[in-house]
Amino acid sequence: MTISFEGRVALVTGAGNGLGRAYALELARRGAKVVVKVVVNDLGGDPAGRGEDAAPAQKVVEEIEALGGEAIANLDSVADYDAGMEMVRQAIDKWGRLDIVIANAGILRDRAAHNITEDDWDIIFDVHAKGAFNVVRHAWSQFRVQGYGRVVLTSSSSGIWGNFGQANYGAAKTSLIGFMNVLKQEGVKYNVKVNTLAPVAGTRLTAGVMQADQVEALKPEYVVPATLYMASEECTDSGMIIEAGAGNFNRAVLMKGPGVQPGLGEPVDLEWVQEHWGEVTSLEGARPMWNNRFSLDEWAEELAKAEQS
């Protein structure tokens, strides 16, 4: 069955170029009204967040309108809390609702850890971590009222698995997984699903860390299907981390090993931990978790019980 976004309103951050542009255009092709959001630090400037240019956002708006869709440009910075509220207000004032947030905006300030400055650290967290919060925080109230919402956050393999020279970027991207793991629980009651994408694509952002032939080959269009499926009504999963791009789709997951439980008697000492280290670190029988209490299987059973009662 064809997945349609007809009647849905989406807010895509960082949509002037690359992945965000590809998401916005495909949403429009499938019927959504799109708020094209381009972060000020990436308004035609360099991938480190310097400079600005309103033209990319307006160009995407024109491309969407040429497809018969509707869009409005927003040129504020996702790093600004009030700007996040304004983006959401803009969508609701224009179309009366907001259904989807794709938090895509990002920049890079790659340095080996011993060379990272405070500014390098702060601006990465401002754009990636706080930027996602600023938009989702204000959209969340609307989702609760509607009883519906879809959020796609953007992590990275650098955050999941690590990558040399990206301690700031990797830490910020990992924080979004923690953000998702809380939101997925808070969204259950309101039919709000929150998932996270870890994309691989050749874009203006990654052109400085990829070979030219890789940038050309790894088109954003290879990432779009997973992202938009997670943004659709048809996706009823929440809390997924999906790696997509370069002709690949897979799930990454946090696992919890069975461990060893000495109980609440006399506290053990360091030597006990040394002796049992193999059991503490073993992943034999490990399970993907929903939260710190339930595995995913146990959570599914809890939901089934709740639906039957």
Protein backbone atom coordinates (compact mmCIF):
# COMPACT_ATOMS: atom_id res chain seq x y z
CA MET A 1 0.00 0.00 0.00
CA THR A 2 1.33 3.43 -0.92
CA ILE A 3 2.32 5.54 2.07
CA SER A 4 0.82 9.01 1.88
CA PHE A 5 1.41 12.13 3.96
CA GLU A 6 -1.67 13.88 2.63
CA GLY A 7 -3.07 16.24 5.25
CA ARG A 8 0.04 15.98 7.43
CA VAL A 9 2.23 18.92 8.36
CA ALA A 10 5.96 18.36 8.76
CA LEU A 11 8.76 20.49 10.09
CA VAL A 12 12.18 19.58 8.70
CA THR A 13 15.21 21.33 10.11
CA GLY A 14 18.31 21.87 8.01
CA ALA A 15 16.24 21.45 4.85
CA GLY A 16 18.06 23.85 2.55
CA ASN A 17 20.54 21.24 1.34
CA GLY A 18 21.44 17.57 1.47
CA LEU A 19 19.37 15.16 3.51
CA GLY A 20 16.91 17.74 4.81
CA ARG A 21 16.11 18.94 1.30
CA ALA A 22 15.61 15.34 0.14
CA TYR A 23 13.23 14.66 3.04
CA ALA A 24 11.23 17.83 2.41
CA LEU A 25 10.83 17.15 -1.30
CA GLU A 26 9.74 13.54 -0.82
CA LEU A 27 7.24 14.58 1.87
CA ALA A 28 5.81 17.09 -0.57
CA ARG A 29 5.62 14.49 -3.34
CA ARG A 30 3.59 12.35 -1.00
CA GLY A 31 1.19 15.09 -0.02
CA ALA A 32 2.53 16.73 3.14
CA LYS A 33 2.61 20.42 3.83
CA VAL A 34 6.16 21.16 4.85
CA VAL A 35 7.70 23.84 6.98
CA VAL A 36 11.14 24.10 5.42
CA LYS A 37 13.49 24.95 8.26
CA VAL A 38 17.09 25.83 7.68
CA VAL A 39 19.29 26.54 10.69
CA VAL A 40 20.92 30.00 10.57
CA ASN A 41 24.38 28.51 11.11
CA ASP A 42 23.93 26.54 7.92
CA LEU A 43 22.21 29.09 5.71
CA GLY A 44 24.58 28.63 2.80
CA GLY A 45 27.59 28.98 5.07
CA ASP A 46 30.33 26.44 5.54
CA PRO A 47 29.83 23.12 7.34
CA ALA A 48 31.41 24.55 10.52
CA GLY A 49 28.44 26.87 10.91
CA ARG A 50 29.97 30.10 9.65
CA GLY A 51 28.09 32.47 7.35
CA GLU A 52 24.47 32.61 6.30
CA ASP A 53 22.35 32.75 3.17
CA ALA A 54 18.56 32.62 2.96
CA ALA A 55 18.57 31.39 -0.64
CA PRO A 56 18.71 27.60 0.02
CA ALA A 57 15.53 27.57 2.12
CA GLN A 58 13.62 29.68 -0.37
CA LYS A 59 14.81 27.50 -3.25
CA VAL A 60 13.45 24.37 -1.55
CA VAL A 61 10.13 26.15 -0.95
CA GLU A 62 9.95 26.92 -4.66
CA GLU A 63 10.79 23.31 -5.54
CA ILE A 64 7.99 22.07 -3.29
CA GLU A 65 5.52 24.53 -4.76
CA ALA A 66 6.53 23.38 -8.24
CA LEU A 67 5.49 19.87 -7.17
CA GLY A 68 2.08 21.21 -6.16
CA GLY A 69 2.85 21.23 -2.46
CA GLU A 70 2.87 23.95 0.16
CA ALA A 71 5.83 25.16 2.17
CA ILE A 72 7.09 28.13 4.13
CA ALA A 73 10.68 29.00 4.89
CA ASN A 74 11.98 29.71 8.36
CA LEU A 75 15.43 31.21 8.69
CA ASP A 76 15.92 31.10 12.46
CA SER A 77 18.56 29.03 14.25
CA VAL A 78 17.53 25.76 15.86
CA ALA A 79 20.02 26.61 18.61
CA ASP A 80 17.67 29.35 19.84
CA TYR A 81 14.92 28.19 22.22
CA ASP A 82 12.40 30.86 21.21
CA ALA A 83 13.11 30.17 17.56
CA GLY A 84 12.04 26.56 18.11
CA MET A 85 8.72 27.83 19.45
CA GLU A 86 8.36 30.15 16.46
CA MET A 87 8.83 27.30 13.99
CA VAL A 88 6.05 25.32 15.60
CA ARG A 89 3.80 28.37 15.84
CA GLN A 90 4.43 29.11 12.17
CA ALA A 91 3.19 25.66 11.18
CA ILE A 92 0.12 25.76 13.41
CA ASP A 93 -0.83 29.30 12.35
CA LYS A 94 -0.54 28.31 8.69
CA TRP A 95 -2.14 24.87 8.70
CA GLY A 96 -3.73 24.34 12.11
CA ARG A 97 -1.58 21.42 13.20
CA LEU A 98 1.88 19.86 13.23
CA ASP A 99 2.32 16.12 12.82
CA ILE A 100 5.98 15.45 12.10
CA VAL A 101 9.34 16.78 13.24
CA ILE A 102 12.48 15.62 11.48
CA ALA A 103 15.40 17.07 13.44
CA ASN A 104 18.09 17.05 10.78
CA ALA A 105 20.03 20.31 11.16
CA GLY A 106 23.72 19.88 11.90
CA ILE A 107 27.24 21.18 11.54
CA LEU A 108 30.75 19.82 12.08
CA ARG A 109 33.74 21.07 14.05
CA ASP A 110 36.03 18.05 13.82
CA ARG A 111 39.12 18.07 16.04
CA ALA A 112 41.13 15.45 17.90
CA ALA A 113 40.11 15.60 21.56
CA HIS A 114 43.22 17.48 22.68
CA ASN A 115 42.50 20.21 20.10
CA ILE A 116 38.77 20.75 20.77
CA THR A 117 38.06 24.25 22.02
CA GLU A 118 35.19 25.20 24.30
CA ASP A 119 33.52 26.90 21.34
CA ASP A 120 33.93 23.77 19.21
CA TRP A 121 32.18 21.77 21.92
CA ASP A 122 29.43 24.25 22.72
CA ILE A 123 28.35 25.03 19.18
CA ILE A 124 28.04 21.34 18.29
CA PHE A 125 25.82 20.71 21.31
CA ASP A 126 23.84 23.90 20.65
CA VAL A 127 22.98 22.86 17.12
CA HIS A 128 22.60 19.09 17.47
CA ALA A 129 21.41 18.40 21.02
CA LYS A 130 19.79 21.67 22.09
CA GLY A 131 18.61 22.28 18.52
CA ALA A 132 16.61 19.04 18.53
CA PHE A 133 15.23 19.82 21.99
CA ASN A 134 14.19 23.36 21.06
CA VAL A 135 11.97 22.15 18.23
CA VAL A 136 10.65 18.93 19.77
CA ARG A 137 9.90 20.61 23.11
CA HIS A 138 7.44 23.02 21.51
CA ALA A 139 6.00 20.47 19.09
CA TRP A 140 5.34 18.07 21.96
CA SER A 141 2.51 20.13 23.41
CA GLN A 142 0.74 20.08 20.05
CA PHE A 143 1.27 16.33 19.70
CA ARG A 144 -0.34 15.74 23.10
CA VAL A 145 -3.37 17.81 22.18
CA GLN A 146 -3.76 16.03 18.84
CA GLY A 147 -3.09 12.56 20.20
CA TYR A 148 -0.64 12.05 17.35
CA GLY A 149 2.95 12.83 16.44
CA ARG A 150 6.03 11.44 14.76
CA VAL A 151 9.59 12.49 15.61
CA VAL A 152 12.75 11.44 13.79
CA LEU A 153 15.95 12.48 15.52
CA THR A 154 19.34 12.30 13.83
CA SER A 155 22.22 10.48 15.50
CA SER A 156 25.33 9.17 13.76
CA SER A 157 27.61 6.17 13.60
CA SER A 158 30.09 8.51 15.29
CA GLY A 159 27.76 8.62 18.27
CA ILE A 160 26.89 4.92 18.29
CA TRP A 161 30.27 3.42 17.49
CA GLY A 162 32.71 6.37 17.66
CA ASN A 163 34.93 8.00 15.07
CA PHE A 164 38.39 9.51 15.47
CA GLY A 165 38.36 13.30 15.66
CA GLN A 166 34.66 13.64 16.46
CA ALA A 167 34.44 13.60 20.26
CA ASN A 168 32.19 16.67 20.30
CA TYR A 169 30.00 15.49 17.44
CA GLY A 170 29.83 11.90 18.69
CA ALA A 171 28.90 12.97 22.22
CA ALA A 172 26.14 15.27 20.94
CA LYS A 173 24.79 12.59 18.64
CA THR A 174 24.76 10.00 21.42
CA SER A 175 22.81 12.41 23.61
CA LEU A 176 19.98 12.25 21.11
CA ILE A 177 19.65 8.52 21.72
CA GLY A 178 19.14 9.28 25.40
CA PHE A 179 16.61 11.96 24.43
CA MET A 180 14.73 9.41 22.32
CA ASN A 181 14.74 6.78 25.06
CA VAL A 182 12.88 9.13 27.40
CA LEU A 183 10.53 10.60 24.79
CA LYS A 184 9.46 7.17 23.52
CA GLN A 185 8.12 6.43 27.01
CA GLU A 186 6.45 9.80 27.49
CA GLY A 187 4.84 9.53 24.06
CA VAL A 188 3.10 6.18 24.53
CA LYS A 189 -0.10 7.67 26.00
CA TYR A 190 -0.43 10.20 23.17
CA ASN A 191 0.40 8.06 20.11
CA VAL A 192 3.68 9.88 19.62
CA LYS A 193 6.41 7.70 18.14
CA VAL A 194 10.05 8.77 18.43
CA ASN A 195 12.82 7.09 16.47
CA THR A 196 16.40 7.92 15.60
CA LEU A 197 18.24 7.79 12.29
CA ALA A 198 21.98 7.32 11.84
CA PRO A 199 22.52 8.26 8.19
CA VAL A 200 25.41 7.86 5.78
CA ALA A 201 25.22 10.28 2.87
CA GLY A 202 27.37 12.44 0.69
CA THR A 203 26.30 16.01 1.44
CA ARG A 204 27.79 19.47 1.85
CA LEU A 205 28.37 18.57 5.52
CA THR A 206 30.29 15.37 4.80
CA ALA A 207 32.16 16.59 1.72
CA GLY A 208 35.09 17.55 3.94
CA VAL A 209 35.47 14.05 5.39
CA MET A 210 34.66 11.91 2.32
CA GLN A 211 36.35 11.40 -1.01
CA ALA A 212 34.69 13.21 -3.92
CA ASP A 213 33.57 9.94 -5.53
CA GLN A 214 31.99 8.85 -2.23
CA VAL A 215 30.06 12.11 -1.93
CA GLU A 216 28.75 11.58 -5.44
CA ALA A 217 27.85 7.93 -4.92
CA LEU A 218 26.27 8.15 -1.45
CA LYS A 219 23.19 10.09 -2.47
CA PRO A 220 20.75 11.35 0.21
CA GLU A 221 18.01 9.48 -1.63
CA TYR A 222 19.40 6.23 -0.22
CA VAL A 223 18.54 7.47 3.28
CA VAL A 224 15.12 8.99 2.57
CA PRO A 225 12.98 5.80 2.64
CA ALA A 226 13.89 4.84 6.22
CA THR A 227 13.51 8.39 7.49
CA LEU A 228 10.12 8.98 5.95
CA TYR A 229 8.81 5.58 6.93
CA MET A 230 9.62 6.40 10.57
CA ALA A 231 7.81 9.72 10.08
CA SER A 232 4.68 8.03 8.75
CA GLU A 233 1.49 6.90 10.45
CA GLU A 234 2.25 3.38 9.27
CA CYS A 235 5.31 3.18 11.54
CA THR A 236 4.07 2.12 14.97
CA ASP A 237 7.48 1.30 16.42
CA SER A 238 9.15 3.71 18.83
CA GLY A 239 12.66 3.83 20.22
CA MET A 240 14.38 2.41 17.13
CA ILE A 241 17.89 3.37 16.03
CA ILE A 242 18.14 2.80 12.29
CA GLU A 243 21.34 3.09 10.30
CA ALA A 244 20.62 3.94 6.66
CA GLY A 245 22.55 4.88 3.57
CA ALA A 246 24.94 3.48 0.97
CA GLY A 247 22.39 0.83 0.04
CA ASN A 248 22.10 -0.42 3.64
CA PHE A 249 19.38 -0.45 6.28
CA ASN A 250 19.93 -1.97 9.71
CA ARG A 251 18.97 -1.54 13.33
CA ALA A 252 21.43 -0.70 16.10
CA VAL A 253 20.41 -1.46 19.65
CA LEU A 254 21.42 -1.04 23.28
CA MET A 255 21.67 -4.46 24.92
CA LYS A 256 21.74 -5.47 28.56
CA GLY A 257 23.65 -8.55 29.65
CA PRO A 258 22.35 -10.81 32.44
CA GLY A 259 25.21 -9.80 34.72
CA VAL A 260 25.70 -11.23 38.19
CA GLN A 261 23.79 -10.25 41.34
CA PRO A 262 25.57 -10.71 44.66
CA GLY A 263 22.55 -9.27 46.49
CA LEU A 264 22.14 -6.63 49.18
CA GLY A 265 24.19 -8.23 51.90
CA GLU A 266 27.68 -7.03 52.69
CA PRO A 267 28.95 -4.90 49.74
CA VAL A 268 31.51 -6.68 47.61
CA ASP A 269 35.05 -5.38 47.17
CA LEU A 270 37.22 -4.67 44.14
CA GLU A 271 38.70 -8.15 44.22
CA TRP A 272 35.19 -9.64 43.93
CA VAL A 273 34.59 -7.54 40.82
CA GLN A 274 37.93 -8.65 39.42
CA GLU A 275 37.06 -12.30 40.05
CA HIS A 276 33.60 -11.98 38.43
CA TRP A 277 34.54 -9.56 35.66
CA GLY A 278 33.84 -12.13 32.97
CA GLU A 279 30.26 -12.59 34.23
CA VAL A 280 29.73 -8.84 34.65
CA THR A 281 30.79 -8.13 31.07
CA SER A 282 29.26 -11.20 29.39
CA LEU A 283 26.63 -10.57 26.71
CA GLU A 284 25.50 -14.18 26.57
CA GLY A 285 21.72 -14.00 26.82
CA ALA A 286 21.74 -10.19 26.45
CA ARG A 287 18.42 -8.56 25.58
CA PRO A 288 17.42 -5.29 23.93
CA MET A 289 15.74 -3.08 26.52
CA TRP A 290 12.70 -0.79 26.46
CA ASN A 291 13.75 0.96 29.66
CA ASN A 292 15.73 0.12 32.79
CA ARG A 293 13.01 -2.29 33.97
CA PHE A 294 11.61 -4.05 30.93
CA SER A 295 13.16 -5.77 27.95
CA LEU A 296 11.40 -5.10 24.64
CA ASP A 297 9.68 -8.48 24.88
CA GLU A 298 8.50 -7.79 28.42
CA TRP A 299 7.25 -4.35 27.39
CA ALA A 300 5.26 -5.86 24.52
CA GLU A 301 3.65 -8.23 27.03
CA GLU A 302 2.79 -5.32 29.32
CA LEU A 303 1.15 -3.46 26.44
CA ALA A 304 -0.84 -6.54 25.47
CA LYS A 305 -2.10 -6.91 29.05
CA ALA A 306 -3.10 -3.24 29.15
CA GLU A 307 -5.05 -3.56 25.89
CA GLN A 308 -6.90 -6.62 27.20
CA SER A 309 -7.87 -5.04 30.52
